[in-house]
Protein backbone atom coordinates (compact mmCIF):
# COMPACT_ATOMS: atom_id res chain seq x y z
CA UNK A 1 6.00 22.90 7.83
CA UNK A 2 9.69 21.66 7.87
CA UNK A 3 12.46 24.23 7.58
CA UNK A 4 14.44 24.21 4.29
CA UNK A 5 17.16 22.12 5.86
CA UNK A 6 14.52 19.44 6.77
CA UNK A 7 12.89 19.67 3.36
CA UNK A 8 15.49 20.10 0.69
CA UNK A 9 13.04 19.91 -2.13
CA UNK A 10 10.59 22.31 -0.67
CA UNK A 11 7.83 20.05 -1.63
CA UNK A 12 5.43 17.95 0.65
CA UNK A 13 6.82 14.51 0.71
CA UNK A 14 4.61 11.49 0.28
CA UNK A 15 6.13 8.00 0.99
CA UNK A 16 4.45 5.07 -0.49
CA UNK A 17 5.73 1.78 1.16
CA UNK A 18 4.91 -1.00 -1.38
CA UNK A 19 4.69 1.36 -4.40
CA UNK A 20 4.48 -1.35 -6.96
CA UNK A 21 1.75 -4.08 -7.37
CA UNK A 22 2.24 -7.77 -7.00
CA UNK A 23 -0.20 -8.02 -9.87
CA UNK A 24 1.73 -5.69 -12.36
CA UNK A 25 2.74 -7.40 -15.68
CA UNK A 26 5.75 -8.93 -14.29
CA UNK A 27 4.77 -8.99 -10.51
CA UNK A 28 5.24 -12.11 -8.30
CA UNK A 29 1.43 -12.72 -7.95
CA UNK A 30 1.08 -12.42 -11.77
CA UNK A 31 3.86 -14.92 -12.46
CA UNK A 32 2.75 -17.35 -9.66
CA UNK A 33 -0.86 -17.50 -11.05
CA UNK A 34 -0.48 -17.07 -14.65
CA UNK A 35 2.89 -18.89 -15.12
CA UNK A 36 4.68 -15.86 -16.48
CA UNK A 37 4.21 -12.18 -17.48
CA UNK A 38 1.08 -10.86 -18.95
CA UNK A 39 0.36 -8.00 -21.48
CA UNK A 40 0.59 -4.47 -20.46
CA UNK A 41 -2.06 -2.69 -22.38
CA UNK A 42 -3.89 -0.87 -19.52
CA UNK A 43 -3.82 2.89 -19.01
CA UNK A 44 -0.86 4.03 -16.86
CA UNK A 45 -3.37 4.78 -14.04
CA UNK A 46 -4.04 0.93 -13.71
CA UNK A 47 -0.73 -0.61 -14.95
CA UNK A 48 0.81 -0.70 -11.37
CA UNK A 49 -2.29 -1.26 -9.34
CA UNK A 50 -2.91 0.89 -6.27
CA UNK A 51 0.84 1.84 -5.68
CA UNK A 52 1.08 3.24 -9.12
CA UNK A 53 -2.29 5.17 -8.94
CA UNK A 54 -1.31 6.60 -5.56
CA UNK A 55 2.03 7.76 -6.87
CA UNK A 56 0.46 9.47 -9.84
CA UNK A 57 -2.27 11.03 -7.77
CA UNK A 58 -0.20 12.60 -5.09
CA UNK A 59 2.43 13.68 -7.63
CA UNK A 60 -0.28 15.69 -9.53
CA UNK A 61 -1.06 17.46 -6.31
CA UNK A 62 2.36 18.82 -6.05
CA UNK A 63 4.00 16.15 -3.74
CA UNK A 64 7.46 14.67 -4.10
CA UNK A 65 6.46 11.01 -4.06
CA UNK A 66 9.07 8.52 -2.82
CA UNK A 67 8.45 5.07 -4.13
CA UNK A 68 9.74 2.25 -1.80
CA UNK A 69 10.33 -1.23 -3.04
CA UNK A 70 12.63 -4.19 -2.43
CA UNK A 71 14.39 -3.87 -5.78
CA UNK A 72 14.89 -0.65 -7.53
CA UNK A 73 14.12 -2.07 -10.83
CA UNK A 74 10.58 -2.91 -9.85
CA UNK A 75 9.66 0.82 -9.66
CA UNK A 76 11.73 2.43 -12.53
CA UNK A 77 8.98 2.31 -15.11
CA UNK A 78 6.38 3.85 -12.69
CA UNK A 79 8.96 6.60 -11.66
CA UNK A 80 9.49 7.40 -15.33
CA UNK A 81 5.75 7.64 -15.82
CA UNK A 82 5.41 10.03 -12.97
CA UNK A 83 8.27 12.25 -14.08
CA UNK A 84 6.86 12.25 -17.69
CA UNK A 85 3.65 13.57 -16.30
CA UNK A 86 5.58 16.55 -14.66
CA UNK A 87 5.79 15.05 -11.10
CA UNK A 88 8.63 14.83 -8.76
CA UNK A 89 9.65 11.32 -7.69
CA UNK A 90 12.34 9.20 -6.34
CA UNK A 91 13.04 5.44 -5.51
CA UNK A 92 14.33 3.97 -2.22
CA UNK A 93 14.97 0.33 -1.66
CA UNK A 94 13.15 -0.85 1.53
CA UNK A 95 12.48 -4.29 2.96
CA UNK A 96 9.73 -4.17 5.63
CA UNK A 97 11.02 -7.23 7.12
CA UNK A 98 14.20 -5.64 8.20
CA UNK A 99 14.43 -2.96 10.94
CA UNK A 100 17.99 -1.88 9.61
CA UNK A 101 16.59 -1.54 6.08
CA UNK A 102 13.54 0.53 7.20
CA UNK A 103 15.77 2.85 9.36
CA UNK A 104 18.37 3.28 6.38
CA UNK A 105 15.62 3.97 3.93
CA UNK A 106 13.95 6.73 6.00
CA UNK A 107 17.21 8.40 7.00
CA UNK A 108 17.90 8.65 3.23
CA UNK A 109 14.38 9.98 2.58
CA UNK A 110 14.81 12.69 5.20
CA UNK A 111 18.23 13.69 3.92
CA UNK A 112 17.21 13.81 0.16
CA UNK A 113 13.67 14.80 0.40
CA UNK A 114 12.56 15.82 3.82
CA UNK A 115 10.42 14.58 6.58
CA UNK A 116 7.27 12.91 5.11
CA UNK A 117 3.97 14.73 5.23
CA UNK A 118 1.97 11.59 4.11
CA UNK A 119 3.03 7.87 4.58
CA UNK A 120 0.92 5.22 2.87
CA UNK A 121 1.59 1.54 3.77
CA UNK A 122 0.76 -0.57 0.88
CA UNK A 123 2.81 -3.57 1.43
CA UNK A 124 1.21 -6.96 0.75
CA UNK A 125 1.85 -10.66 0.53
CA UNK A 126 0.27 -13.92 -0.49
CA UNK A 127 0.50 -17.52 0.19
CA UNK A 128 2.86 -18.13 -2.52
CA UNK A 129 2.03 -21.67 -3.48
CA UNK A 130 -0.82 -23.76 -4.84
CA UNK A 131 -3.09 -25.32 -2.24
CA UNK A 132 -5.18 -28.32 -2.75
CA UNK A 133 -8.69 -28.44 -1.07
CA UNK A 134 -7.35 -30.40 1.84
CA UNK A 135 -4.50 -27.92 2.46
CA UNK A 136 -6.61 -24.86 3.05
CA UNK A 137 -6.35 -24.90 6.76
CA UNK A 138 -3.85 -22.93 8.85
CA UNK A 139 -2.31 -26.16 10.13
CA UNK A 140 -0.73 -26.75 6.69
CA UNK A 141 0.97 -23.47 6.35
CA UNK A 142 4.87 -23.39 6.67
CA UNK A 143 6.20 -21.23 9.64
CA UNK A 144 8.16 -19.23 7.03
CA UNK A 145 4.97 -18.07 5.35
CA UNK A 146 3.67 -17.02 8.70
CA UNK A 147 6.87 -14.97 9.35
CA UNK A 148 6.35 -13.16 6.04
CA UNK A 149 2.72 -12.40 7.10
CA UNK A 150 3.73 -10.94 10.40
CA UNK A 151 6.61 -9.00 8.98
CA UNK A 152 4.48 -7.42 6.36
CA UNK A 153 1.19 -6.79 8.10
CA UNK A 154 2.28 -6.22 11.67
CA UNK A 155 5.90 -5.48 12.24
CA UNK A 156 6.39 -3.49 8.96
CA UNK A 157 3.68 -0.86 9.71
CA UNK A 158 5.01 -0.57 13.48
CA UNK A 159 8.59 0.18 12.00
CA UNK A 160 7.75 2.64 9.30
CA UNK A 161 5.23 4.42 11.67
CA UNK A 162 7.98 4.93 14.19
CA UNK A 163 10.25 6.60 11.49
CA UNK A 164 7.58 9.25 10.60
CA UNK A 165 5.62 9.92 13.78
CA UNK A 166 8.28 12.09 15.65
CA UNK A 167 8.38 14.76 13.01
CA UNK A 168 4.69 14.62 12.38
CA UNK A 169 3.95 15.06 16.02
CA UNK A 170 6.45 18.02 16.31
CA UNK A 171 5.01 19.74 13.12
CA UNK A 172 1.40 19.21 14.37
CA UNK A 173 0.32 17.65 11.02
CA UNK A 174 0.56 14.58 8.91
CA UNK A 175 -1.30 11.66 7.53
CA UNK A 176 -0.60 7.81 7.94
CA UNK A 177 -2.88 5.76 5.73
CA UNK A 178 -2.94 1.99 5.87
CA UNK A 179 -4.00 0.13 2.76
CA UNK A 180 -5.78 -3.02 4.05
CA UNK A 181 -8.16 -5.73 2.77
CA UNK A 182 -11.36 -7.24 3.87
CA UNK A 183 -9.68 -9.94 5.97
CA UNK A 184 -8.73 -7.21 8.47
CA UNK A 185 -12.47 -7.15 9.33
CA UNK A 186 -13.56 -10.62 9.17
CA UNK A 187 -12.69 -14.16 8.03
CA UNK A 188 -14.41 -15.42 4.92
CA UNK A 189 -13.86 -18.67 2.93
CA UNK A 190 -13.64 -17.02 -0.41
CA UNK A 191 -10.48 -18.67 -1.54
CA UNK A 192 -7.71 -20.98 -0.42
CA UNK A 193 -5.47 -20.06 2.43
CA UNK A 194 -7.25 -17.05 3.92
CA UNK A 195 -6.27 -17.97 7.52
CA UNK A 196 -2.90 -16.72 6.59
CA UNK A 197 -4.24 -13.11 6.37
CA UNK A 198 -5.37 -12.74 9.97
CA UNK A 199 -2.34 -10.64 10.71
CA UNK A 200 -4.12 -7.93 8.81
CA UNK A 201 -6.25 -7.54 11.87
CA UNK A 202 -3.14 -6.35 13.72
CA UNK A 203 -2.56 -3.63 11.09
CA UNK A 204 -6.10 -2.39 11.74
CA UNK A 205 -5.56 -2.58 15.55
CA UNK A 206 -2.41 -0.58 15.06
CA UNK A 207 -4.27 2.13 13.18
CA UNK A 208 -6.82 2.21 15.94
CA UNK A 209 -4.10 2.66 18.64
CA UNK A 210 -2.28 5.41 16.67
CA UNK A 211 -5.52 7.26 16.18
CA UNK A 212 -6.02 7.36 19.90
CA UNK A 213 -2.47 8.32 20.56
CA UNK A 214 -1.72 10.83 17.86
CA UNK A 215 -4.82 12.46 16.68
CA UNK A 216 -4.36 15.19 19.49
CA UNK A 217 -0.94 15.96 17.97
CA UNK A 218 -2.45 16.54 14.54
CA UNK A 219 -1.80 13.18 12.97
CA UNK A 220 -4.58 11.62 10.90
CA UNK A 221 -4.36 7.87 10.93
CA UNK A 222 -6.83 5.92 8.70
CA UNK A 223 -7.40 2.34 7.82
CA UNK A 224 -8.65 1.84 4.17
CA UNK A 225 -10.28 -1.34 3.56
CA UNK A 226 -10.27 -2.27 -0.14
CA UNK A 227 -12.90 -5.06 -0.38
CA UNK A 228 -12.22 -6.62 -3.73
CA UNK A 229 -9.73 -7.05 -6.55
CA UNK A 230 -7.91 -3.91 -7.68
CA UNK A 231 -7.67 -3.59 -11.35
CA UNK A 232 -4.21 -4.38 -12.67
CA UNK A 233 -2.68 -6.36 -15.53
CA UNK A 234 -2.46 -9.57 -13.37
CA UNK A 235 -6.00 -9.35 -11.81
CA UNK A 236 -7.57 -8.43 -15.21
CA UNK A 237 -6.16 -11.58 -16.75
CA UNK A 238 -7.83 -13.78 -14.15
CA UNK A 239 -10.45 -16.00 -15.75
CA UNK A 240 -13.25 -14.99 -13.36
CA UNK A 241 -12.57 -11.37 -13.78
CA UNK A 242 -12.18 -11.51 -17.62
CA UNK A 243 -15.88 -12.59 -17.45
CA UNK A 244 -16.87 -9.98 -14.91
CA UNK A 245 -14.56 -6.93 -15.34
CA UNK A 246 -17.24 -4.92 -13.42
CA UNK A 247 -16.02 -6.63 -10.19
CA UNK A 248 -12.70 -4.85 -10.62
CA UNK A 249 -12.04 -1.64 -8.50
CA UNK A 250 -10.39 1.13 -10.37
CA UNK A 251 -7.20 1.88 -8.54
CA UNK A 252 -7.29 5.56 -9.60
CA UNK A 253 -10.55 5.96 -7.72
CA UNK A 254 -9.09 4.33 -4.74
CA UNK A 255 -6.19 6.80 -4.96
CA UNK A 256 -8.77 9.63 -5.06
CA UNK A 257 -10.08 8.38 -1.69
CA UNK A 258 -6.67 8.31 -0.13
CA UNK A 259 -5.99 11.86 -1.23
CA UNK A 260 -9.51 12.86 0.18
CA UNK A 261 -8.57 11.41 3.45
CA UNK A 262 -5.18 13.38 3.53
CA UNK A 263 -7.06 16.61 2.74
CA UNK A 264 -9.84 16.17 5.37
CA UNK A 265 -10.46 18.96 7.70
CA UNK A 266 -9.26 17.99 11.25
CA UNK A 267 -12.53 18.62 12.71
CA UNK A 268 -14.10 15.82 10.91
CA UNK A 269 -11.47 12.91 10.32
CA UNK A 270 -12.41 9.53 8.82
CA UNK A 271 -10.68 6.74 10.68
CA UNK A 272 -11.86 3.73 8.57
CA UNK A 273 -13.07 3.64 5.03
CA UNK A 274 -14.45 0.54 3.18
CA UNK A 275 -14.32 0.58 -0.57
CA UNK A 276 -16.24 -2.00 -2.71
CA UNK A 277 -17.27 -2.19 -6.28
CA UNK A 278 -20.92 -1.47 -6.68
CA UNK A 279 -21.48 -5.15 -7.95
CA UNK A 280 -19.98 -6.51 -4.82
CA UNK A 281 -16.84 -8.50 -3.98
CA UNK A 282 -15.75 -11.53 -5.99
CA UNK A 283 -17.05 -14.87 -4.47
CA UNK A 284 -16.22 -18.50 -5.10
């Protein structure tokens, strides 16, 4: 364990990179797809997608949860919910595309909360524009969208892992859990623009490399593949999913799986876990 000087709060620290959902009521995906905000009538366990469910789950287990987001206002309602439930929580602004932002954010986390015991990387991205049937191919994507994909799915995980690995190695324990999607395993023409998601395979490769390098030092690294739509205000409002809500994956159940990975005995660590609704993924 960290010394008191290294862990001012005397609580295990879980950092969630990408703590709020793009599909929350006012999230960018929600506004992009639905043309504006949607209602927020879901239980708090589903209101902020996976990031919110993870925050609430680890807070209930006695962790101080650090919510990272590009804008503090994105996470304030979630932080209030965690604290109302008796949990310990803080917000740190972090842009995974900026090495300086990542370094500053983790310096602040170590000073104010302590060295993280758990790092969950949950940052995501989307194409960000409407695509017609003849624009689905990679050749039509602007370079700036590719830069976002690389920053989020490849460079970002590398930068944040570098920030937590030294203390985890010296302590001899820690968990790094990557939240990934089905495109990290295979290409599938399920909707437009999926070729943009191939950098997700690099996040998976990083998880494999870190497992080989750091397992012997007591660091558990796992790649969690969420194969389907996570329940949230924005996804639930999609016409196809309104007709088939059984296709939505409960984020609280996903969070249970993440906590299970963190608590696994080191004699039997899971490296990769795929989560799919019993009815199967959504298809075109």
